[in-house]
C-alpha atoms as a PDB file:
ATOM      1  CA  MET A   1       5.466  43.091-176.524  1.00  0.00           C
ATOM      2  CA  LYS A   2       8.998  43.516-177.785  1.00  0.00           C
ATOM      3  CA  ALA A   3      12.199  44.128-175.849  1.00  0.00           C
ATOM      4  CA  VAL A   4      15.711  44.975-176.984  1.00  0.00           C
ATOM      5  CA  ILE A   5      18.621  43.863-174.805  1.00  0.00           C
ATOM      6  CA  LEU A   6      22.096  45.334-175.169  1.00  0.00           C
ATOM      7  CA  ALA A   7      24.362  42.319-174.706  1.00  0.00           C
ATOM      8  CA  GLY A   8      27.468  43.283-176.648  1.00  0.00           C
ATOM      9  CA  GLY A   9      29.592  45.182-174.155  1.00  0.00           C
ATOM     10  CA  LYS A  10      33.140  44.083-173.367  1.00  0.00           C
ATOM     11  CA  GLY A  11      32.714  44.433-169.610  1.00  0.00           C
ATOM     12  CA  THR A  12      36.152  45.999-169.187  1.00  0.00           C
ATOM     13  CA  ARG A  13      35.515  46.819-165.515  1.00  0.00           C
ATOM     14  CA  LEU A  14      35.030  43.124-164.737  1.00  0.00           C
ATOM     15  CA  LYS A  15      38.278  41.939-166.275  1.00  0.00           C
ATOM     16  CA  PRO A  16      39.899  39.427-166.212  1.00  0.00           C
ATOM     17  CA  TYR A  17      36.627  37.423-166.080  1.00  0.00           C
ATOM     18  CA  THR A  18      35.174  39.080-169.175  1.00  0.00           C
ATOM     19  CA  THR A  19      38.278  38.505-171.275  1.00  0.00           C
ATOM     20  CA  VAL A  20      36.987  35.055-172.188  1.00  0.00           C
ATOM     21  CA  PHE A  21      33.429  35.354-170.851  1.00  0.00           C
ATOM     22  CA  PRO A  22      30.766  37.877-172.001  1.00  0.00           C
ATOM     23  CA  LYS A  23      29.499  40.068-169.185  1.00  0.00           C
ATOM     24  CA  PRO A  24      25.808  39.130-169.716  1.00  0.00           C
ATOM     25  CA  LEU A  25      26.705  35.505-168.956  1.00  0.00           C
ATOM     26  CA  MET A  26      28.347  36.325-165.625  1.00  0.00           C
ATOM     27  CA  PRO A  27      26.517  34.229-163.004  1.00  0.00           C
ATOM     28  CA  ILE A  28      24.363  35.738-160.293  1.00  0.00           C
ATOM     29  CA  GLY A  29      23.564  32.844-157.990  1.00  0.00           C
ATOM     30  CA  ASP A  30      23.040  29.821-160.200  1.00  0.00           C
ATOM     31  CA  LYS A  31      22.079  31.690-163.395  1.00  0.00           C
ATOM     32  CA  PRO A  32      23.689  34.167-165.782  1.00  0.00           C
ATOM     33  CA  ILE A  33      22.351  37.689-165.277  1.00  0.00           C
ATOM     34  CA  LEU A  34      21.018  37.720-168.847  1.00  0.00           C
ATOM     35  CA  GLU A  35      19.026  34.533-168.258  1.00  0.00           C
ATOM     36  CA  ILE A  36      17.401  36.180-165.253  1.00  0.00           C
ATOM     37  CA  VAL A  37      16.497  39.178-167.441  1.00  0.00           C
ATOM     38  CA  VAL A  38      14.994  36.981-170.184  1.00  0.00           C
ATOM     39  CA  GLN A  39      12.858  35.067-167.686  1.00  0.00           C
ATOM     40  CA  GLN A  40      11.668  38.323-166.127  1.00  0.00           C
ATOM     41  CA  LEU A  41      10.653  39.697-169.505  1.00  0.00           C
ATOM     42  CA  LYS A  42       8.695  36.528-170.262  1.00  0.00           C
ATOM     43  CA  SER A  43       6.853  36.719-166.940  1.00  0.00           C
ATOM     44  CA  HIS A  44       5.980  40.390-167.586  1.00  0.00           C
ATOM     45  CA  GLY A  45       4.289  39.633-170.900  1.00  0.00           C
ATOM     46  CA  PHE A  46       7.077  40.131-173.445  1.00  0.00           C
ATOM     47  CA  ASP A  47       7.059  37.561-176.238  1.00  0.00           C
ATOM     48  CA  GLU A  48       9.911  38.772-178.460  1.00  0.00           C
ATOM     49  CA  VAL A  49      13.467  39.778-177.601  1.00  0.00           C
ATOM     50  CA  ILE A  50      16.127  41.202-179.896  1.00  0.00           C
ATOM     51  CA  MET A  51      19.643  40.935-178.495  1.00  0.00           C
ATOM     52  CA  ALA A  52      22.291  43.339-179.756  1.00  0.00           C
ATOM     53  CA  VAL A  53      25.461  41.263-179.493  1.00  0.00           C
ATOM     54  CA  GLY A  54      29.124  41.980-180.147  1.00  0.00           C
ATOM     55  CA  HIS A  55      31.898  40.858-177.804  1.00  0.00           C
ATOM     56  CA  LEU A  56      31.998  37.028-177.678  1.00  0.00           C
ATOM     57  CA  ALA A  57      28.631  36.989-179.454  1.00  0.00           C
ATOM     58  CA  GLU A  58      28.803  33.277-180.297  1.00  0.00           C
ATOM     59  CA  LEU A  59      28.698  32.322-176.621  1.00  0.00           C
ATOM     60  CA  VAL A  60      25.574  34.403-176.011  1.00  0.00           C
ATOM     61  CA  MET A  61      23.843  33.108-179.153  1.00  0.00           C
ATOM     62  CA  THR A  62      24.718  29.499-178.366  1.00  0.00           C
ATOM     63  CA  PHE A  63      23.429  29.799-174.805  1.00  0.00           C
ATOM     64  CA  PHE A  64      20.027  31.309-175.698  1.00  0.00           C
ATOM     65  CA  ASN A  65      19.568  30.029-179.248  1.00  0.00           C
ATOM     66  CA  ASP A  66      16.080  30.987-180.498  1.00  0.00           C
ATOM     67  CA  GLY A  67      14.632  31.342-176.990  1.00  0.00           C
ATOM     68  CA  SER A  68      12.277  28.381-177.308  1.00  0.00           C
ATOM     69  CA  LYS A  69      13.423  26.897-174.007  1.00  0.00           C
ATOM     70  CA  TYR A  70      12.164  30.067-172.322  1.00  0.00           C
ATOM     71  CA  GLY A  71       8.933  30.292-174.308  1.00  0.00           C
ATOM     72  CA  ILE A  72      10.046  33.537-175.913  1.00  0.00           C
ATOM     73  CA  ASN A  73      11.276  34.357-179.432  1.00  0.00           C
ATOM     74  CA  ILE A  74      14.880  35.598-179.463  1.00  0.00           C
ATOM     75  CA  LYS A  75      16.580  37.226-182.462  1.00  0.00           C
ATOM     76  CA  TYR A  76      20.014  38.785-182.775  1.00  0.00           C
ATOM     77  CA  THR A  77      21.706  41.752-184.407  1.00  0.00           C
ATOM     78  CA  ARG A  78      25.471  42.017-184.544  1.00  0.00           C
ATOM     79  CA  GLU A  79      27.576  45.153-184.883  1.00  0.00           C
ATOM     80  CA  ASN A  80      30.346  45.214-187.465  1.00  0.00           C
ATOM     81  CA  LYS A  81      31.811  48.177-185.597  1.00  0.00           C
ATOM     82  CA  PRO A  82      31.074  49.816-182.216  1.00  0.00           C
ATOM     83  CA  LEU A  83      27.805  51.780-182.408  1.00  0.00           C
ATOM     84  CA  GLY A  84      27.467  52.962-178.812  1.00  0.00           C
ATOM     85  CA  THR A  85      24.516  52.272-176.538  1.00  0.00           C
ATOM     86  CA  ALA A  86      21.829  53.706-178.831  1.00  0.00           C
ATOM     87  CA  GLY A  87      23.296  53.207-182.310  1.00  0.00           C
ATOM     88  CA  PRO A  88      22.383  49.477-182.522  1.00  0.00           C
ATOM     89  CA  LEU A  89      18.696  50.423-182.666  1.00  0.00           C
ATOM     90  CA  ALA A  90      19.171  51.478-186.288  1.00  0.00           C
ATOM     91  CA  LEU A  91      19.931  47.853-187.139  1.00  0.00           C
ATOM     92  CA  MET A  92      16.452  46.852-185.915  1.00  0.00           C
ATOM     93  CA  LYS A  93      14.338  49.471-187.654  1.00  0.00           C
ATOM     94  CA  GLU A  94      12.236  46.930-189.562  1.00  0.00           C
ATOM     95  CA  GLU A  95      11.524  44.948-186.396  1.00  0.00           C
ATOM     96  CA  LEU A  96      10.619  47.809-184.063  1.00  0.00           C
ATOM     97  CA  ASN A  97       7.215  48.903-185.359  1.00  0.00           C
ATOM     98  CA  GLU A  98       5.488  49.237-181.971  1.00  0.00           C
ATOM     99  CA  THR A  99       6.213  50.506-178.470  1.00  0.00           C
ATOM    100  CA  PHE A 100       9.227  48.616-177.155  1.00  0.00           C
ATOM    101  CA  LEU A 101      11.412  48.230-174.104  1.00  0.00           C
ATOM    102  CA  MET A 102      15.182  48.558-174.280  1.00  0.00           C
ATOM    103  CA  MET A 103      17.584  47.642-171.500  1.00  0.00           C
ATOM    104  CA  ASN A 104      21.124  46.719-170.640  1.00  0.00           C
ATOM    105  CA  GLY A 105      21.799  43.014-170.286  1.00  0.00           C
ATOM    106  CA  ASP A 106      23.575  43.359-166.947  1.00  0.00           C
ATOM    107  CA  VAL A 107      20.808  44.872-164.810  1.00  0.00           C
ATOM    108  CA  LEU A 108      19.514  43.107-161.704  1.00  0.00           C
ATOM    109  CA  THR A 109      16.247  44.685-160.587  1.00  0.00           C
ATOM    110  CA  THR A 110      12.808  43.903-159.216  1.00  0.00           C
ATOM    111  CA  LEU A 111      11.265  46.468-161.577  1.00  0.00           C
ATOM    112  CA  ASP A 112       8.085  45.342-163.348  1.00  0.00           C
ATOM    113  CA  PHE A 113       9.037  46.066-166.962  1.00  0.00           C
ATOM    114  CA  SER A 114       5.433  45.969-168.184  1.00  0.00           C
ATOM    115  CA  ASP A 115       4.480  48.622-165.620  1.00  0.00           C
ATOM    116  CA  LEU A 116       7.181  50.890-167.054  1.00  0.00           C
ATOM    117  CA  VAL A 117       5.782  50.417-170.566  1.00  0.00           C
ATOM    118  CA  ASN A 118       2.227  51.130-169.376  1.00  0.00           C
ATOM    119  CA  TYR A 119       3.395  54.306-167.612  1.00  0.00           C
ATOM    120  CA  HIS A 120       5.197  55.340-170.800  1.00  0.00           C
ATOM    121  CA  LYS A 121       2.108  54.874-172.967  1.00  0.00           C
ATOM    122  CA  LYS A 122      -0.138  56.665-170.480  1.00  0.00           C
ATOM    123  CA  ASN A 123       2.057  59.779-170.586  1.00  0.00           C
ATOM    124  CA  GLY A 124       2.346  59.969-174.375  1.00  0.00           C
ATOM    125  CA  ALA A 125       6.135  60.265-174.379  1.00  0.00           C
ATOM    126  CA  ILE A 126       8.495  59.284-177.177  1.00  0.00           C
ATOM    127  CA  ALA A 127      10.880  57.938-174.519  1.00  0.00           C
ATOM    128  CA  THR A 128      10.698  57.099-170.822  1.00  0.00           C
ATOM    129  CA  ILE A 129      13.745  56.457-168.654  1.00  0.00           C
ATOM    130  CA  ALA A 130      13.588  54.291-165.530  1.00  0.00           C
ATOM    131  CA  LEU A 131      15.301  56.212-162.715  1.00  0.00           C
ATOM    132  CA  LYS A 132      16.685  55.217-159.325  1.00  0.00           C
ATOM    133  CA  LYS A 133      17.446  57.505-156.384  1.00  0.00           C
ATOM    134  CA  ARG A 134      21.068  57.244-155.241  1.00  0.00           C
ATOM    135  CA  ASP A 135      23.191  59.236-152.860  1.00  0.00           C
ATOM    136  CA  VAL A 136      26.878  60.024-152.538  1.00  0.00           C
ATOM    137  CA  LYS A 137      28.353  60.502-149.085  1.00  0.00           C
ATOM    138  CA  ILE A 138      31.304  62.879-148.933  1.00  0.00           C
ATOM    139  CA  ASP A 139      33.710  61.873-146.162  1.00  0.00           C
ATOM    140  CA  PHE A 140      35.172  65.363-145.807  1.00  0.00           C
ATOM    141  CA  GLY A 141      34.058  68.806-144.797  1.00  0.00           C
ATOM    142  CA  VAL A 142      33.022  70.624-147.979  1.00  0.00           C
ATOM    143  CA  VAL A 143      33.934  74.313-148.061  1.00  0.00           C
ATOM    144  CA  GLU A 144      32.562  77.024-150.351  1.00  0.00           C
ATOM    145  CA  ILE A 145      34.589  80.187-151.061  1.00  0.00           C
ATOM    146  CA  ASP A 146      34.035  83.370-153.048  1.00  0.00           C
ATOM    147  CA  ASP A 147      36.363  84.982-155.598  1.00  0.00           C
ATOM    148  CA  GLY A 148      38.432  86.504-152.767  1.00  0.00           C
ATOM    149  CA  ASN A 149      38.853  83.149-150.984  1.00  0.00           C
ATOM    150  CA  SER A 150      36.529  84.184-148.153  1.00  0.00           C
ATOM    151  CA  ILE A 151      34.614  81.262-146.683  1.00  0.00           C
ATOM    152  CA  GLU A 152      30.934  81.396-147.662  1.00  0.00           C
ATOM    153  CA  GLY A 153      29.780  78.013-146.455  1.00  0.00           C
ATOM    154  CA  TYR A 154      30.871  74.859-144.706  1.00  0.00           C
ATOM    155  CA  LYS A 155      29.155  71.467-144.759  1.00  0.00           C
ATOM    156  CA  GLU A 156      30.485  68.587-142.713  1.00  0.00           C
ATOM    157  CA  LYS A 157      30.351  65.259-144.583  1.00  0.00           C
ATOM    158  CA  PRO A 158      27.302  66.124-146.724  1.00  0.00           C
ATOM    159  CA  LYS A 159      25.192  63.621-148.620  1.00  0.00           C
ATOM    160  CA  ILE A 160      24.224  64.444-152.205  1.00  0.00           C
ATOM    161  CA  ASP A 161      21.002  62.924-153.541  1.00  0.00           C
ATOM    162  CA  TYR A 162      20.463  62.430-157.266  1.00  0.00           C
ATOM    163  CA  LEU A 163      18.638  60.314-159.853  1.00  0.00           C
ATOM    164  CA  VAL A 164      20.492  57.862-162.094  1.00  0.00           C
ATOM    165  CA  SER A 165      19.395  56.015-165.197  1.00  0.00           C
ATOM    166  CA  MET A 166      18.704  52.349-164.488  1.00  0.00           C
ATOM    167  CA  GLY A 167      19.609  51.346-168.036  1.00  0.00           C
ATOM    168  CA  VAL A 168      15.969  50.483-168.782  1.00  0.00           C
ATOM    169  CA  TYR A 169      13.906  52.505-171.270  1.00  0.00           C
ATOM    170  CA  ALA A 170      10.552  52.501-173.052  1.00  0.00           C
ATOM    171  CA  PHE A 171      10.480  53.910-176.588  1.00  0.00           C
ATOM    172  CA  GLU A 172       8.109  54.682-179.414  1.00  0.00           C
ATOM    173  CA  PRO A 173       9.220  53.613-182.920  1.00  0.00           C
ATOM    174  CA  LEU A 174       9.485  57.300-183.874  1.00  0.00           C
ATOM    175  CA  VAL A 175      12.717  57.456-181.867  1.00  0.00           C
ATOM    176  CA  LEU A 176      14.419  55.528-184.683  1.00  0.00           C
ATOM    177  CA  GLU A 177      14.077  58.579-186.934  1.00  0.00           C
ATOM    178  CA  TYR A 178      16.712  60.258-184.752  1.00  0.00           C
ATOM    179  CA  ILE A 179      19.297  57.465-185.175  1.00  0.00           C
ATOM    180  CA  LYS A 180      21.320  57.328-188.381  1.00  0.00           C
ATOM    181  CA  PRO A 181      22.395  53.905-189.720  1.00  0.00           C
ATOM    182  CA  ASN A 182      25.962  52.854-188.892  1.00  0.00           C
ATOM    183  CA  GLU A 183      26.515  55.956-186.764  1.00  0.00           C
ATOM    184  CA  TYR A 184      27.947  55.782-183.249  1.00  0.00           C
ATOM    185  CA  LEU A 185      25.415  57.139-180.753  1.00  0.00           C
ATOM    186  CA  ASP A 186      25.157  56.824-176.975  1.00  0.00           C
ATOM    187  CA  PHE A 187      21.938  57.149-174.987  1.00  0.00           C
ATOM    188  CA  PRO A 188      22.714  60.510-173.357  1.00  0.00           C
ATOM    189  CA  ASP A 189      23.232  62.049-176.807  1.00  0.00           C
ATOM    190  CA  LEU A 190      20.041  60.471-178.115  1.00  0.00           C
ATOM    191  CA  ILE A 191      18.022  61.799-175.187  1.00  0.00           C
ATOM    192  CA  LYS A 192      19.490  65.291-175.615  1.00  0.00           C
ATOM    193  CA  LYS A 193      18.661  65.137-179.321  1.00  0.00           C
ATOM    194  CA  LEU A 194      15.050  64.201-178.566  1.00  0.00           C
ATOM    195  CA  ILE A 195      14.644  67.010-176.049  1.00  0.00           C
ATOM    196  CA  SER A 196      16.234  69.615-178.326  1.00  0.00           C
ATOM    197  CA  ASN A 197      13.731  68.648-181.030  1.00  0.00           C
ATOM    198  CA  GLY A 198      10.787  69.245-178.716  1.00  0.00           C
ATOM    199  CA  GLU A 199       9.960  65.600-178.036  1.00  0.00           C
ATOM    200  CA  THR A 200       8.469  64.524-174.701  1.00  0.00           C
ATOM    201  CA  VAL A 201      10.841  62.454-172.575  1.00  0.00           C
ATOM    202  CA  LYS A 202       9.559  61.223-169.201  1.00  0.00           C
ATOM    203  CA  GLY A 203      11.193  59.762-166.108  1.00  0.00           C
ATOM    204  CA  TYR A 204       9.852  56.770-164.173  1.00  0.00           C
ATOM    205  CA  VAL A 205      11.212  56.888-160.611  1.00  0.00           C
ATOM    206  CA  TYR A 206      11.565  53.446-159.048  1.00  0.00           C
ATOM    207  CA  ASP A 207      12.282  52.866-155.358  1.00  0.00           C
ATOM    208  CA  GLY A 208      12.805  49.088-155.430  1.00  0.00           C
ATOM    209  CA  TYR A 209      15.929  46.982-155.875  1.00  0.00           C
ATOM    210  CA  TRP A 210      18.362  47.804-158.690  1.00  0.00           C
ATOM    211  CA  LEU A 211      22.016  47.122-159.435  1.00  0.00           C
ATOM    212  CA  ASP A 212      24.166  47.430-162.541  1.00  0.00           C
ATOM    213  CA  ILE A 213      26.626  44.558-162.149  1.00  0.00           C
ATOM    214  CA  GLY A 214      29.269  46.168-164.373  1.00  0.00           C
ATOM    215  CA  ARG A 215      31.508  47.115-161.433  1.00  0.00           C
ATOM    216  CA  PRO A 216      33.225  44.475-159.259  1.00  0.00           C
ATOM    217  CA  ASP A 217      31.724  45.848-156.029  1.00  0.00           C
ATOM    218  CA  ASP A 218      28.178  45.813-157.431  1.00  0.00           C
ATOM    219  CA  TYR A 219      28.679  42.358-158.942  1.00  0.00           C
ATOM    220  CA  GLU A 220      29.723  40.997-155.564  1.00  0.00           C
ATOM    221  CA  ARG A 221      26.788  42.710-153.878  1.00  0.00           C
ATOM    222  CA  ALA A 222      24.335  41.276-156.414  1.00  0.00           C
ATOM    223  CA  SER A 223      25.756  37.802-155.806  1.00  0.00           C
ATOM    224  CA  ARG A 224      25.143  38.267-152.076  1.00  0.00           C
ATOM    225  CA  ASP A 225      21.643  39.727-152.534  1.00  0.00           C
ATOM    226  CA  ILE A 226      20.209  37.282-155.067  1.00  0.00           C
ATOM    227  CA  ASP A 227      18.760  34.848-152.526  1.00  0.00           C
ATOM    228  CA  LYS A 228      17.106  37.691-150.602  1.00  0.00           C
ATOM    229  CA  ILE A 229      15.374  39.214-153.620  1.00  0.00           C
ATOM    230  CA  HIS A 230      14.776  36.049-155.672  1.00  0.00           C
ATOM    231  CA  ASP A 231      11.060  35.854-154.868  1.00  0.00           C
ATOM    232  CA  LYS A 232      10.594  39.508-155.923  1.00  0.00           C
ATOM    233  CA  LEU A 233      12.164  39.091-159.351  1.00  0.00           C
ATOM    234  CA  GLY A 234       9.008  37.632-160.890  1.00  0.00           C
ATOM    235  CA  LEU A 235      10.949  34.934-162.700  1.00  0.00           C
ATOM    236  CA  ASP A 236       9.053  32.774-165.167  1.00  0.00           C
ATOM    237  CA  THR A 237      10.825  29.422-164.941  1.00  0.00           C
ATOM    238  CA  LYS A 238       8.298  27.408-166.936  1.00  0.00           C
END
């Protein structure tokens, strides 16, 4: 199975660390987050990874090389200009000739990536998005008014539940037909394009551990949690 990892972001929210250090190489415990991801993919049956690199690409490429030390084949594509979160797929069109996984390189999760791909295939979708339930707690009383400023409702410190994208996706090669070469395209716009063209896009709701380490608070939390969840990550360290 093939997987694409987006590893080219500048990590602006983690500055100053990412000024001289690519975000995917930020350590979680004793390993870079991207090394954890690569080992997880190997343990879940993936044998080929394509990394889309950009910011400080040489450091990422030097660290992982061809992937032989992980028992997995690693290739690279490099953007000459920013292409967004979905645009880099156009650079891999010749490589992506079967169902593939795509994910951000800064995701710490206990998700079984192969289970997501199997779910995707079973449902016959062109794309499947891994989703996580999150909630936002409002620390104030929320008031609703009508056009005449009369109070219609009052909720004291409500909690809003919603689903967020985990930054992990399963795709069919047909999705590449919706991405123009050298055109900037982000995932939300790609998904909306697929839906507007009548394609089937599914959601895979996951209730296990997940963090995007792109924010300082989440990075610190992941660093605290790593020892607790290590045995659930399914790491292949051979």
